[in-house]
Amino acid sequence: MADKIFWQWLAGFIDGDGSLQVRYDKDSQGYKYRSPSISIAQKYRKNLDYIKKEIGFGNVWYSKGAQVFYYDISGIKRSLYILEKIKNHLHTNKKKKQLQKMIKFDIIKDYQEGELTKYWLAGFYEAEGYVSRYTTKYKDKVYQYHQIGFCQSYDKSILSKIKKFLNEGKINDNELYIYKTRKCVEIANMLIPYVVCNYKKSKLKLCLTN
């Protein structure tokens, strides 16, 4: 059974690359009814297989057109089970608006936004985070370092929340980046134990070589 750490990680992942929708289905007599659904798009399949294994249901499939993998959950019972687990851990305005729509249609009851945690941040990093290299010059010597960044184009307020949580970083347009060596090492050590994708984990480990 997935534990509370997983649900916070999943909420961060969905805040980055997921979608909560209300769609119309038909019952056996042809009557339409509203049904929630959850979908996550991701370039790397491993994260989606991990989610399916932890939850125990859902479908993972590949879209040749979009060239990404999808994890889908549909059906009232299964979708509500997931929503009840993650709703208080969602932090982006877009996802909160999607929750409000479900509340409006009486699909779920109200929610109370909880605190941002390192588990949420690990999931969000897997969806919207990156590690890049930058070069600086000091006394005619060139030094190369790695920095950690987070992207978010449709909800820049989440970048401010992450900056406050980390007590570090600079926001430039739709990105938050942390370039101070000591802080990058601290953040990398905090996130690595909870990152699933080997590629994303290997990028964080680069910060430990700064």
Protein backbone atom coordinates (compact mmCIF):
# COMPACT_ATOMS: atom_id res chain seq x y z
CA MET A 1 0.00 0.00 0.00
CA ALA A 2 1.35 3.43 -0.96
CA ASP A 3 2.25 5.59 2.04
CA LYS A 4 1.88 9.30 2.74
CA ILE A 5 5.33 10.05 1.28
CA PHE A 6 4.25 8.58 -2.04
CA TRP A 7 1.01 10.60 -2.15
CA GLN A 8 2.88 13.85 -1.56
CA TRP A 9 5.42 12.89 -4.23
CA LEU A 10 2.57 12.05 -6.61
CA ALA A 11 0.85 15.38 -5.92
CA GLY A 12 4.05 17.19 -6.87
CA PHE A 13 4.35 15.12 -10.01
CA ILE A 14 0.73 15.84 -10.97
CA ASP A 15 1.18 19.54 -10.17
CA GLY A 16 3.90 19.49 -12.81
CA ASP A 17 2.74 17.12 -15.53
CA GLY A 18 -0.74 15.94 -14.59
CA SER A 19 -4.32 16.87 -15.36
CA LEU A 20 -7.53 16.46 -13.35
CA GLN A 21 -10.59 16.45 -15.57
CA VAL A 22 -14.35 16.03 -15.40
CA ARG A 23 -15.78 14.12 -18.32
CA TYR A 24 -19.17 12.72 -19.29
CA ASP A 25 -19.76 8.96 -19.37
CA LYS A 26 -22.86 6.90 -20.03
CA ASP A 27 -24.36 4.25 -17.83
CA SER A 28 -25.88 0.98 -19.05
CA GLN A 29 -29.15 2.74 -19.85
CA GLY A 30 -27.49 5.50 -21.85
CA TYR A 31 -27.82 8.25 -19.24
CA LYS A 32 -24.90 10.67 -19.03
CA TYR A 33 -23.12 11.31 -15.75
CA ARG A 34 -20.05 13.27 -14.69
CA SER A 35 -16.96 11.24 -13.92
CA PRO A 36 -13.50 12.40 -12.77
CA SER A 37 -10.34 11.29 -14.55
CA ILE A 38 -6.62 11.72 -13.92
CA SER A 39 -3.95 11.82 -16.60
CA ILE A 40 -0.18 12.28 -16.47
CA ALA A 41 2.08 12.86 -19.49
CA GLN A 42 5.76 12.08 -19.22
CA LYS A 43 8.76 11.62 -21.47
CA TYR A 44 10.15 8.80 -19.33
CA ARG A 45 8.02 5.72 -18.75
CA LYS A 46 9.68 4.54 -15.52
CA ASN A 47 7.87 7.11 -13.39
CA LEU A 48 4.49 6.05 -14.75
CA ASP A 49 5.19 2.35 -14.24
CA TYR A 50 6.24 3.18 -10.69
CA ILE A 51 2.98 5.05 -10.07
CA LYS A 52 0.91 2.19 -11.44
CA LYS A 53 2.78 -0.32 -9.28
CA GLU A 54 2.32 1.73 -6.12
CA ILE A 55 -1.37 2.43 -6.73
CA GLY A 56 -2.22 -0.96 -8.19
CA PHE A 57 -4.28 0.16 -11.19
CA GLY A 58 -4.35 2.52 -14.16
CA ASN A 59 -3.15 2.33 -17.76
CA VAL A 60 0.25 3.28 -19.19
CA TRP A 61 0.42 3.83 -22.94
CA TYR A 62 2.51 5.60 -25.56
CA SER A 63 1.32 8.28 -27.96
CA LYS A 64 3.23 8.22 -31.24
CA GLY A 65 1.78 11.58 -32.18
CA ALA A 66 2.79 13.39 -28.98
CA GLN A 67 5.82 11.13 -28.49
CA VAL A 68 5.20 10.86 -24.75
CA PHE A 69 3.91 8.24 -22.34
CA TYR A 70 0.58 8.63 -20.56
CA TYR A 71 -0.77 7.23 -17.32
CA ASP A 72 -4.57 7.37 -17.11
CA ILE A 73 -7.07 6.63 -14.38
CA SER A 74 -10.78 6.75 -15.11
CA GLY A 75 -13.93 5.61 -13.34
CA ILE A 76 -15.49 7.25 -10.31
CA LYS A 77 -14.32 4.84 -7.62
CA ARG A 78 -10.67 4.70 -8.66
CA SER A 79 -10.35 8.39 -9.49
CA LEU A 80 -11.94 9.45 -6.20
CA TYR A 81 -9.57 7.18 -4.30
CA ILE A 82 -6.58 9.02 -5.80
CA LEU A 83 -8.13 12.47 -5.48
CA GLU A 84 -8.85 12.00 -1.78
CA LYS A 85 -5.20 11.06 -1.23
CA ILE A 86 -3.63 13.98 -3.11
CA LYS A 87 -6.10 16.87 -2.99
CA ASN A 88 -4.64 18.48 0.15
CA HIS A 89 -1.11 18.26 -1.27
CA LEU A 90 -1.70 20.06 -4.58
CA HIS A 91 -0.21 23.56 -4.75
CA THR A 92 -0.39 24.99 -8.30
CA ASN A 93 -3.29 27.31 -9.09
CA LYS A 94 -4.19 25.29 -12.17
CA LYS A 95 -4.71 22.09 -10.21
CA LYS A 96 -6.63 23.92 -7.49
CA LYS A 97 -8.96 25.31 -10.14
CA GLN A 98 -9.48 21.79 -11.46
CA LEU A 99 -10.34 20.68 -7.92
CA GLN A 100 -12.79 23.58 -7.59
CA LYS A 101 -14.57 22.38 -10.71
CA MET A 102 -14.96 18.94 -9.17
CA ILE A 103 -16.31 20.50 -5.99
CA LYS A 104 -18.79 22.54 -8.05
CA PHE A 105 -20.13 19.37 -9.65
CA ASP A 106 -20.25 17.66 -6.24
CA ILE A 107 -17.70 15.06 -7.28
CA ILE A 108 -15.45 15.69 -4.27
CA LYS A 109 -15.87 17.61 -1.04
CA ASP A 110 -13.81 20.64 -0.13
CA TYR A 111 -10.07 20.42 0.45
CA GLN A 112 -7.51 22.21 2.60
CA GLU A 113 -4.13 22.97 1.09
CA GLY A 114 -1.33 21.57 3.22
CA GLU A 115 2.29 22.55 3.58
CA LEU A 116 4.79 22.18 0.78
CA THR A 117 7.17 19.31 1.62
CA LYS A 118 10.40 17.81 0.30
CA TYR A 119 8.40 14.81 -0.96
CA TRP A 120 6.16 17.09 -3.04
CA LEU A 121 9.24 18.94 -4.30
CA ALA A 122 10.88 15.66 -5.38
CA GLY A 123 7.81 14.82 -7.47
CA PHE A 124 7.65 18.32 -8.90
CA TYR A 125 11.36 18.17 -9.76
CA GLU A 126 10.80 14.96 -11.73
CA ALA A 127 8.13 16.77 -13.74
CA GLU A 128 9.46 20.33 -14.04
CA GLY A 129 12.97 20.36 -12.61
CA TYR A 130 16.37 20.35 -14.28
CA VAL A 131 20.08 20.56 -13.57
CA SER A 132 22.25 22.66 -15.85
CA ARG A 133 25.91 23.65 -15.96
CA TYR A 134 27.17 27.21 -15.91
CA THR A 135 30.62 28.74 -16.25
CA THR A 136 32.17 31.54 -14.24
CA LYS A 137 35.57 33.22 -14.35
CA TYR A 138 37.63 34.33 -11.39
CA LYS A 139 41.19 35.71 -11.57
CA ASP A 140 41.67 34.44 -15.11
CA LYS A 141 40.54 30.94 -14.12
CA VAL A 142 37.39 29.34 -15.52
CA TYR A 143 35.18 27.33 -13.16
CA GLN A 144 32.19 25.16 -14.03
CA TYR A 145 29.35 24.47 -11.62
CA HIS A 146 25.88 22.90 -11.70
CA GLN A 147 22.68 24.63 -10.75
CA ILE A 148 19.17 23.33 -9.99
CA GLY A 149 16.14 24.88 -11.64
CA PHE A 150 12.36 24.58 -11.81
CA CYS A 151 10.17 25.72 -14.72
CA GLN A 152 6.54 26.77 -14.61
CA SER A 153 5.01 28.89 -17.34
CA TYR A 154 1.32 28.84 -16.40
CA ASP A 155 1.63 29.40 -12.64
CA LYS A 156 4.61 31.48 -11.61
CA SER A 157 3.30 31.77 -8.04
CA ILE A 158 4.42 28.19 -7.37
CA LEU A 159 8.00 29.27 -8.03
CA SER A 160 7.67 31.81 -5.22
CA LYS A 161 6.38 29.09 -2.90
CA ILE A 162 9.33 26.85 -3.74
CA LYS A 163 11.76 29.73 -3.23
CA LYS A 164 10.25 30.41 0.19
CA PHE A 165 10.40 26.71 1.09
CA LEU A 166 14.05 26.44 0.09
CA ASN A 167 14.92 29.90 1.42
CA GLU A 168 17.04 30.32 -1.69
CA GLY A 169 16.91 30.98 -5.42
CA LYS A 170 16.26 33.60 -8.07
CA ILE A 171 13.17 33.84 -10.26
CA ASN A 172 13.65 34.88 -13.86
CA ASP A 173 10.50 34.95 -15.99
CA ASN A 174 9.11 31.39 -15.71
CA GLU A 175 12.09 29.79 -13.98
CA LEU A 176 13.46 29.48 -10.47
CA TYR A 177 17.11 28.56 -10.29
CA ILE A 178 19.49 27.87 -7.42
CA TYR A 179 23.14 28.41 -8.25
CA LYS A 180 24.90 28.69 -4.90
CA THR A 181 27.11 25.60 -4.63
CA ARG A 182 26.44 24.79 -0.99
CA LYS A 183 22.67 25.17 -1.38
CA CYS A 184 22.61 23.02 -4.53
CA VAL A 185 24.40 20.25 -2.66
CA GLU A 186 21.91 20.55 0.19
CA ILE A 187 18.89 20.39 -2.14
CA ALA A 188 20.34 17.51 -4.16
CA ASN A 189 20.93 15.47 -1.00
CA MET A 190 17.38 16.25 0.12
CA LEU A 191 15.72 15.15 -3.14
CA ILE A 192 17.85 12.22 -4.35
CA PRO A 193 16.34 9.60 -1.96
CA TYR A 194 12.84 10.26 -3.34
CA VAL A 195 13.56 10.68 -7.08
CA VAL A 196 12.45 7.67 -9.16
CA CYS A 197 13.78 8.40 -12.64
CA ASN A 198 17.43 7.37 -12.89
CA TYR A 199 18.17 10.12 -15.42
CA LYS A 200 16.76 12.83 -13.15
CA LYS A 201 18.60 11.34 -10.17
CA SER A 202 21.90 11.25 -12.07
CA LYS A 203 21.51 14.94 -12.88
CA LEU A 204 21.10 15.81 -9.21
CA LYS A 205 24.21 13.80 -8.37
CA LEU A 206 26.18 16.13 -10.63
CA CYS A 207 25.57 18.88 -8.08
CA LEU A 208 27.50 16.83 -5.53
CA THR A 209 30.62 17.21 -7.68
CA ASN A 210 30.55 21.02 -7.62
